[in-house]
Protein backbone atom coordinates (compact mmCIF):
# COMPACT_ATOMS: atom_id res chain seq x y z
CA MET A 1 7.99 -10.46 0.40
CA LEU A 2 7.68 -7.91 3.22
CA TYR A 3 7.00 -4.25 2.38
CA THR A 4 6.77 -1.14 4.49
CA PHE A 5 5.31 2.01 2.99
CA GLY A 6 7.21 2.37 -0.27
CA ILE A 7 10.21 0.36 0.98
CA VAL A 8 11.26 -3.28 0.52
CA ALA A 9 11.82 -4.33 4.11
CA GLY A 10 15.29 -5.47 5.12
CA THR A 11 16.92 -3.80 2.13
CA GLY A 12 16.14 -0.10 2.50
CA ARG A 13 15.37 -0.16 -1.23
CA ARG A 14 12.50 1.91 -2.52
CA VAL A 15 9.70 -0.09 -4.14
CA ARG A 16 10.33 0.28 -7.88
CA ILE A 17 7.70 0.89 -10.54
CA SER A 18 7.93 -0.14 -14.20
CA ILE A 19 5.72 1.75 -16.68
CA VAL A 20 5.03 0.72 -20.28
CA THR A 21 3.58 2.90 -23.03
CA PRO A 22 2.35 1.20 -26.23
CA SER A 23 2.61 3.63 -29.15
CA PHE A 24 1.37 3.76 -32.72
CA ASN A 25 0.92 6.87 -34.89
CA LEU A 26 -0.17 9.31 -32.17
CA ALA A 27 2.71 11.76 -32.41
CA PRO A 28 0.65 14.88 -31.51
CA TYR A 29 0.11 13.51 -27.98
CA LEU A 30 3.26 11.46 -27.47
CA GLU A 31 5.48 14.17 -25.99
CA GLU A 32 2.94 15.16 -23.33
CA THR A 33 2.51 11.53 -22.28
CA LEU A 34 6.26 10.90 -22.12
CA SER A 35 6.90 14.08 -20.15
CA SER A 36 4.15 13.32 -17.61
CA VAL A 37 5.62 9.88 -16.87
CA LEU A 38 9.28 10.90 -16.87
CA ALA A 39 8.56 13.70 -14.39
CA GLU A 40 7.28 11.13 -11.87
CA LEU A 41 10.06 8.55 -12.03
CA ALA A 42 12.08 7.97 -8.88
CA PRO A 43 15.55 6.38 -8.82
CA GLY A 44 15.18 2.73 -9.81
CA ASP A 45 11.89 3.17 -11.67
CA GLU A 46 11.71 2.05 -15.30
CA TYR A 47 9.96 3.42 -18.37
CA PHE A 48 9.63 1.46 -21.62
CA VAL A 49 7.97 2.65 -24.82
CA ILE A 50 7.01 -0.02 -27.35
CA ASP A 51 6.14 1.52 -30.72
CA GLY A 52 4.44 -0.50 -33.44
CA GLY A 53 6.35 0.99 -36.37
CA SER A 54 4.86 4.49 -36.46
CA THR A 55 5.32 6.63 -39.57
CA ASP A 56 3.96 9.96 -38.26
CA GLY A 57 7.05 11.36 -36.50
CA SER A 58 6.67 9.33 -33.29
CA VAL A 59 10.02 7.59 -33.85
CA GLU A 60 11.85 10.91 -34.18
CA LEU A 61 10.27 12.06 -30.90
CA LEU A 62 11.32 8.85 -29.19
CA ARG A 63 14.89 9.32 -30.36
CA GLY A 64 14.88 12.71 -28.67
CA PHE A 65 13.81 11.13 -25.39
CA SER A 66 15.97 8.02 -25.70
CA GLU A 67 18.52 8.99 -23.03
CA ARG A 68 15.74 9.39 -20.45
CA LEU A 69 13.93 6.15 -21.29
CA THR A 70 14.91 2.78 -19.85
CA GLY A 71 14.29 1.33 -23.28
CA TRP A 72 12.27 1.75 -26.46
CA VAL A 73 11.74 -0.04 -29.73
CA SER A 74 9.85 0.63 -32.96
CA GLU A 75 8.87 -2.47 -34.89
CA PRO A 76 5.69 -4.08 -36.27
CA ASP A 77 3.56 -5.88 -33.69
CA ARG A 78 0.18 -7.59 -33.42
CA GLY A 79 -1.50 -4.69 -31.65
CA TYR A 80 -1.55 -2.86 -28.34
CA ALA A 81 -1.66 -6.03 -26.19
CA ASP A 82 1.40 -7.42 -27.93
CA ALA A 83 3.24 -4.13 -27.35
CA ILE A 84 2.30 -4.06 -23.66
CA ALA A 85 3.39 -7.69 -23.19
CA LYS A 86 6.75 -6.90 -24.82
CA GLY A 87 7.26 -4.01 -22.44
CA PHE A 88 6.40 -5.94 -19.30
CA ALA A 89 8.68 -8.78 -20.40
CA ARG A 90 11.54 -6.29 -20.02
CA ALA A 91 10.34 -4.89 -16.69
CA THR A 92 12.01 -5.65 -13.36
CA GLY A 93 10.01 -3.34 -11.07
CA ASP A 94 7.94 -4.42 -8.07
CA ILE A 95 4.86 -2.57 -9.35
CA LEU A 96 3.58 -2.37 -12.93
CA CYS A 97 1.25 -0.13 -14.92
CA TRP A 98 0.79 1.07 -18.46
CA VAL A 99 0.01 4.55 -19.78
CA ASN A 100 -1.39 4.86 -23.29
CA VAL A 101 -0.22 7.58 -25.65
CA SER A 102 -2.47 10.67 -25.21
CA ASP A 103 -3.10 9.89 -21.51
CA VAL A 104 -1.08 11.58 -18.75
CA LEU A 105 -0.03 10.85 -15.19
CA LEU A 106 -0.76 13.55 -12.63
CA PRO A 107 2.10 14.87 -10.46
CA GLY A 108 2.58 12.59 -7.47
CA ALA A 109 0.81 9.62 -9.08
CA LEU A 110 3.61 7.07 -8.82
CA ASP A 111 4.42 7.85 -5.19
CA ALA A 112 0.70 7.63 -4.39
CA ALA A 113 0.56 4.25 -6.14
CA ARG A 114 3.55 3.06 -4.13
CA GLY A 115 1.79 4.11 -0.95
CA ALA A 116 -1.56 2.63 -1.94
CA LEU A 117 -0.22 -0.83 -2.78
CA THR A 118 2.13 -1.16 0.15
CA SER A 119 -0.32 0.23 2.76
CA THR A 120 -3.42 -1.69 1.64
CA GLY A 121 -1.67 -5.03 1.21
CA CYS A 122 -3.55 -5.68 -2.05
CA ASP A 123 -2.24 -6.98 -5.35
CA LEU A 124 -4.16 -4.39 -7.40
CA VAL A 125 -5.31 -0.87 -6.59
CA PHE A 126 -7.53 1.17 -8.87
CA GLY A 127 -8.76 4.72 -8.59
CA ASP A 128 -10.21 7.74 -10.40
CA ASP A 129 -9.14 9.77 -13.42
CA PHE A 130 -10.12 12.86 -15.38
CA TYR A 131 -11.44 13.05 -18.91
CA ILE A 132 -9.55 15.69 -20.89
CA ASP A 133 -9.99 17.10 -24.39
CA GLU A 134 -7.49 17.52 -27.23
CA GLY A 135 -6.30 20.76 -25.63
CA SER A 136 -5.61 19.05 -22.26
CA ARG A 137 -8.53 20.71 -20.47
CA VAL A 138 -10.77 18.84 -18.05
CA LEU A 139 -14.07 17.54 -19.39
CA GLY A 140 -15.04 15.72 -16.22
CA LEU A 141 -14.08 13.52 -13.29
CA SER A 142 -14.51 9.78 -13.72
CA ARG A 143 -14.83 7.85 -10.46
CA GLY A 144 -13.67 4.25 -10.39
CA VAL A 145 -15.38 3.45 -7.11
CA CYS A 146 -16.33 -0.22 -6.80
CA ARG A 147 -16.67 -2.30 -3.63
CA ASP A 148 -16.58 -5.69 -5.34
CA LEU A 149 -14.43 -5.62 -8.47
CA ARG A 150 -14.77 -9.36 -9.06
CA SER A 151 -18.56 -9.26 -9.23
CA ALA A 152 -18.73 -6.01 -11.21
CA MET A 153 -16.43 -7.47 -13.86
CA LEU A 154 -17.61 -11.07 -13.92
CA TYR A 155 -21.36 -10.37 -13.74
CA GLY A 156 -21.65 -6.79 -14.98
CA GLY A 157 -18.91 -6.67 -17.61
CA TRP A 158 -17.45 -3.52 -16.02
CA THR A 159 -13.75 -2.73 -16.03
CA PRO A 160 -11.72 -0.34 -13.84
CA LEU A 161 -10.15 2.79 -15.29
CA GLN A 162 -7.02 1.32 -16.86
CA ASP A 163 -4.87 4.47 -16.54
CA ALA A 164 -5.62 4.54 -12.79
CA CYS A 165 -4.62 0.92 -12.11
CA PHE A 166 -1.39 -0.32 -10.49
CA TRP A 167 -0.50 -3.89 -9.54
CA LEU A 168 2.31 -6.07 -8.20
CA ARG A 169 4.58 -7.74 -10.73
CA GLU A 170 4.29 -11.03 -8.84
CA ALA A 171 0.49 -10.87 -9.31
CA TYR A 172 0.93 -10.08 -13.01
CA GLU A 173 3.09 -13.16 -13.45
CA ALA A 174 0.82 -15.36 -11.29
CA VAL A 175 -2.26 -14.74 -13.47
CA GLY A 176 -0.36 -15.10 -16.76
CA GLY A 177 0.13 -11.45 -17.73
CA ILE A 178 -1.38 -9.66 -20.72
CA ASP A 179 -2.58 -11.98 -23.48
CA PRO A 180 -0.77 -10.69 -26.60
CA SER A 181 -3.12 -12.57 -28.92
CA LEU A 182 -6.10 -10.35 -28.01
CA THR A 183 -6.82 -7.33 -30.19
CA ALA A 184 -9.58 -5.44 -28.37
CA ALA A 185 -10.34 -6.57 -24.79
CA ALA A 186 -6.86 -7.43 -23.48
CA ASP A 187 -7.28 -4.93 -20.62
CA TYR A 188 -10.63 -6.41 -19.58
CA ASP A 189 -9.26 -9.95 -19.82
CA PHE A 190 -6.21 -9.12 -17.69
CA PHE A 191 -8.05 -7.15 -15.00
CA LEU A 192 -10.73 -9.87 -14.81
CA ARG A 193 -8.05 -12.45 -14.04
CA LEU A 194 -6.60 -10.18 -11.37
CA ALA A 195 -10.04 -9.46 -9.89
CA THR A 196 -11.08 -13.13 -9.69
CA ARG A 197 -7.76 -14.60 -8.57
CA ARG A 198 -5.98 -11.94 -6.51
CA SER A 199 -6.83 -9.18 -4.02
CA SER A 200 -7.87 -5.70 -5.13
CA ARG A 201 -9.09 -2.43 -3.66
CA TYR A 202 -10.48 0.88 -4.85
CA VAL A 203 -8.73 4.00 -3.56
CA PRO A 204 -10.52 7.37 -4.00
CA VAL A 205 -7.58 9.06 -5.69
CA ALA A 206 -7.31 10.60 -9.17
CA PHE A 207 -4.03 9.30 -10.57
CA SER A 208 -4.24 10.27 -14.22
CA ALA A 209 -6.13 11.80 -17.14
CA TYR A 210 -7.69 10.00 -20.09
CA ARG A 211 -7.87 11.97 -23.31
CA ARG A 212 -10.78 11.97 -25.71
CA HIS A 213 -9.65 12.84 -29.23
CA ALA A 214 -10.73 12.55 -32.85
CA GLY A 215 -8.35 9.71 -33.71
CA GLN A 216 -9.61 7.45 -30.94
CA LYS A 217 -10.94 4.00 -31.79
CA ALA A 218 -14.23 3.00 -30.20
CA ILE A 219 -12.78 -0.34 -29.15
CA ALA A 220 -15.17 -0.81 -26.23
CA GLN A 221 -18.16 -0.76 -28.61
CA SER A 222 -16.64 -3.04 -31.22
CA ALA A 223 -17.76 -6.57 -32.04
CA ALA A 224 -14.22 -7.80 -31.38
CA TYR A 225 -14.27 -6.32 -27.86
CA GLU A 226 -17.60 -7.93 -27.04
CA ARG A 227 -16.46 -11.29 -28.38
CA GLU A 228 -13.21 -11.28 -26.38
CA ARG A 229 -14.96 -10.04 -23.24
CA THR A 230 -17.60 -12.78 -23.52
CA LEU A 231 -14.94 -15.47 -23.89
CA ALA A 232 -13.00 -14.13 -20.89
CA ARG A 233 -16.11 -14.14 -18.68
CA ALA A 234 -17.04 -17.67 -19.81
CA ARG A 235 -13.55 -18.89 -18.98
CA GLU A 236 -13.70 -17.50 -15.44
CA TRP A 237 -17.21 -18.85 -14.91
CA GLN A 238 -15.99 -22.29 -15.89
CA ARG A 239 -12.87 -22.00 -13.75
CA GLU A 240 -14.93 -21.10 -10.68
CA GLY A 241 -17.55 -23.77 -11.43
CA ARG A 242 -20.44 -21.50 -10.44
CA ARG A 243 -23.91 -22.40 -11.72
CA GLY A 244 -27.52 -22.19 -10.64
CA PRO A 245 -30.40 -19.68 -10.52
CA GLY A 246 -28.74 -17.63 -7.80
CA GLU A 247 -25.84 -16.83 -10.08
CA GLY A 248 -28.22 -15.78 -12.83
CA LEU A 249 -29.98 -13.32 -10.52
CA ARG A 250 -26.65 -11.94 -9.38
CA ALA A 251 -25.59 -11.44 -13.01
CA LEU A 252 -28.85 -9.60 -13.77
CA TRP A 253 -28.43 -7.33 -10.74
CA TYR A 254 -24.86 -6.37 -11.64
CA TRP A 255 -25.78 -5.90 -15.31
CA ALA A 256 -28.40 -3.34 -14.25
CA ALA A 257 -26.14 -1.75 -11.62
CA VAL A 258 -23.28 -1.20 -14.06
CA ARG A 259 -25.58 0.47 -16.58
CA PHE A 260 -27.14 2.66 -13.87
CA ARG A 261 -23.64 3.67 -12.86
CA VAL A 262 -22.62 4.65 -16.38
CA ARG A 263 -25.81 6.48 -17.31
CA VAL A 264 -26.77 8.11 -13.99
CA LEU A 265 -24.12 8.04 -11.27
CA GLN A 266 -21.27 9.35 -13.41
CA ARG A 267 -23.37 12.44 -14.10
CA LEU A 268 -24.15 12.91 -10.41
CA TRP A 269 -20.46 12.57 -9.57
CA GLN A 270 -19.40 15.46 -11.79
CA VAL A 271 -17.65 18.48 -10.26
CA PRO A 272 -18.42 21.52 -12.48
CA THR A 273 -15.79 23.69 -10.80
CA LEU A 274 -13.09 21.49 -12.36
CA HIS A 275 -14.44 21.61 -15.90
CA GLY A 276 -12.23 23.57 -18.29
CA GLN A 277 -9.19 23.58 -16.03
CA ALA A 278 -5.84 22.79 -17.64
CA VAL A 279 -4.82 19.31 -16.56
CA GLY A 280 -1.31 20.64 -15.94
CA GLN A 281 -2.70 22.58 -12.97
CA LEU A 282 -3.97 19.44 -11.24
CA ARG A 283 -2.14 17.04 -8.94
CA CYS A 284 -2.74 13.45 -7.95
CA GLY A 285 -5.14 13.38 -5.02
CA ARG A 286 -8.74 13.22 -3.83
CA TYR A 287 -11.23 15.49 -5.59
CA TRP A 288 -14.56 13.95 -4.58
CA PRO A 289 -16.75 15.35 -3.14
CA GLY A 290 -16.60 19.08 -3.77
CA GLY A 291 -13.75 19.30 -6.26
CA ARG A 292 -11.14 20.64 -3.82
CA TRP A 293 -7.79 18.88 -3.90
CA HIS A 294 -6.87 16.73 -0.92
CA PRO A 295 -3.68 14.64 -0.60
CA PRO A 296 -3.96 10.89 -1.30
CA GLY A 297 -3.92 10.23 2.44
CA PHE A 298 -1.76 7.15 2.81
CA ALA A 299 0.40 6.36 5.85
CA VAL A 300 3.79 8.02 6.27
CA PRO A 301 6.88 5.98 5.33
CA GLY A 302 7.83 3.22 7.70
CA THR A 303 4.58 3.04 9.68
CA GLN A 304 3.08 -0.16 8.34
CA ALA A 305 4.32 -3.52 7.14
CA VAL A 306 2.35 -5.98 5.05
CA ARG A 307 3.15 -9.65 4.50
CA ARG A 308 2.57 -10.69 0.90
CA ARG A 309 2.26 -14.08 -0.74
CA VAL A 310 5.50 -15.49 -2.16
């Protein structure tokens, strides 16, 4: 399919985005998440909320937003991956992403994602986000910079910032989508398949904010996460048929590099002038270096066309 910046060529139709939010018993943050996404929707975009049978008032909130949502449901499921898969099964957009309850999109994020995917010609783009606290104030900037996503994931076990990732629906379908049977590392498993089988690129743009709060589950440190991540990596190693001492050295290098990144570089990348700011005052854009806002910087509409696989 041929795209120009944000437009499906030959039709004049704007590239459409479908967003899914999996929800379960996080009512205190649900309204802010819903409002941040709904404010960014353009005509033709879709927004689905898949709730797992919440009992904390989330369903009542969803009823209040029902006329503005493309669709929502509240019913028992097998976990967040099952909910996300249900949502994407309903989606018809050209671009997909998911936004967890408690996280927020920054103003301009969806248009920036449209521009990033259609101007780079990649199947997946990933960027930066902010950490915010329970009061929606900035704790820090998290950079998703990575030159070789495949190697960082396959050898180092790293994963891009999920709330700052956007991908083509055709790529989602080509790699098999989210695995609804996984309970902890479904995001890692999915992005690993995209990274090893399709094209990807980092863009230095903060698209969103990831909230740290008391009710959060430490999934990334759980035994279930490590088990599912290990199985996903082993599957891709076997699929690629890579063996030998050279691969072992590469794995060791990326293992060390990823840990250096987490423990050292993320601290060096901090921008103290942004700390404590209300996230509602920030817009999607470039904040590194220096902390001053700069626009995403993609081409103007109609200036570039990219031929994609069909």
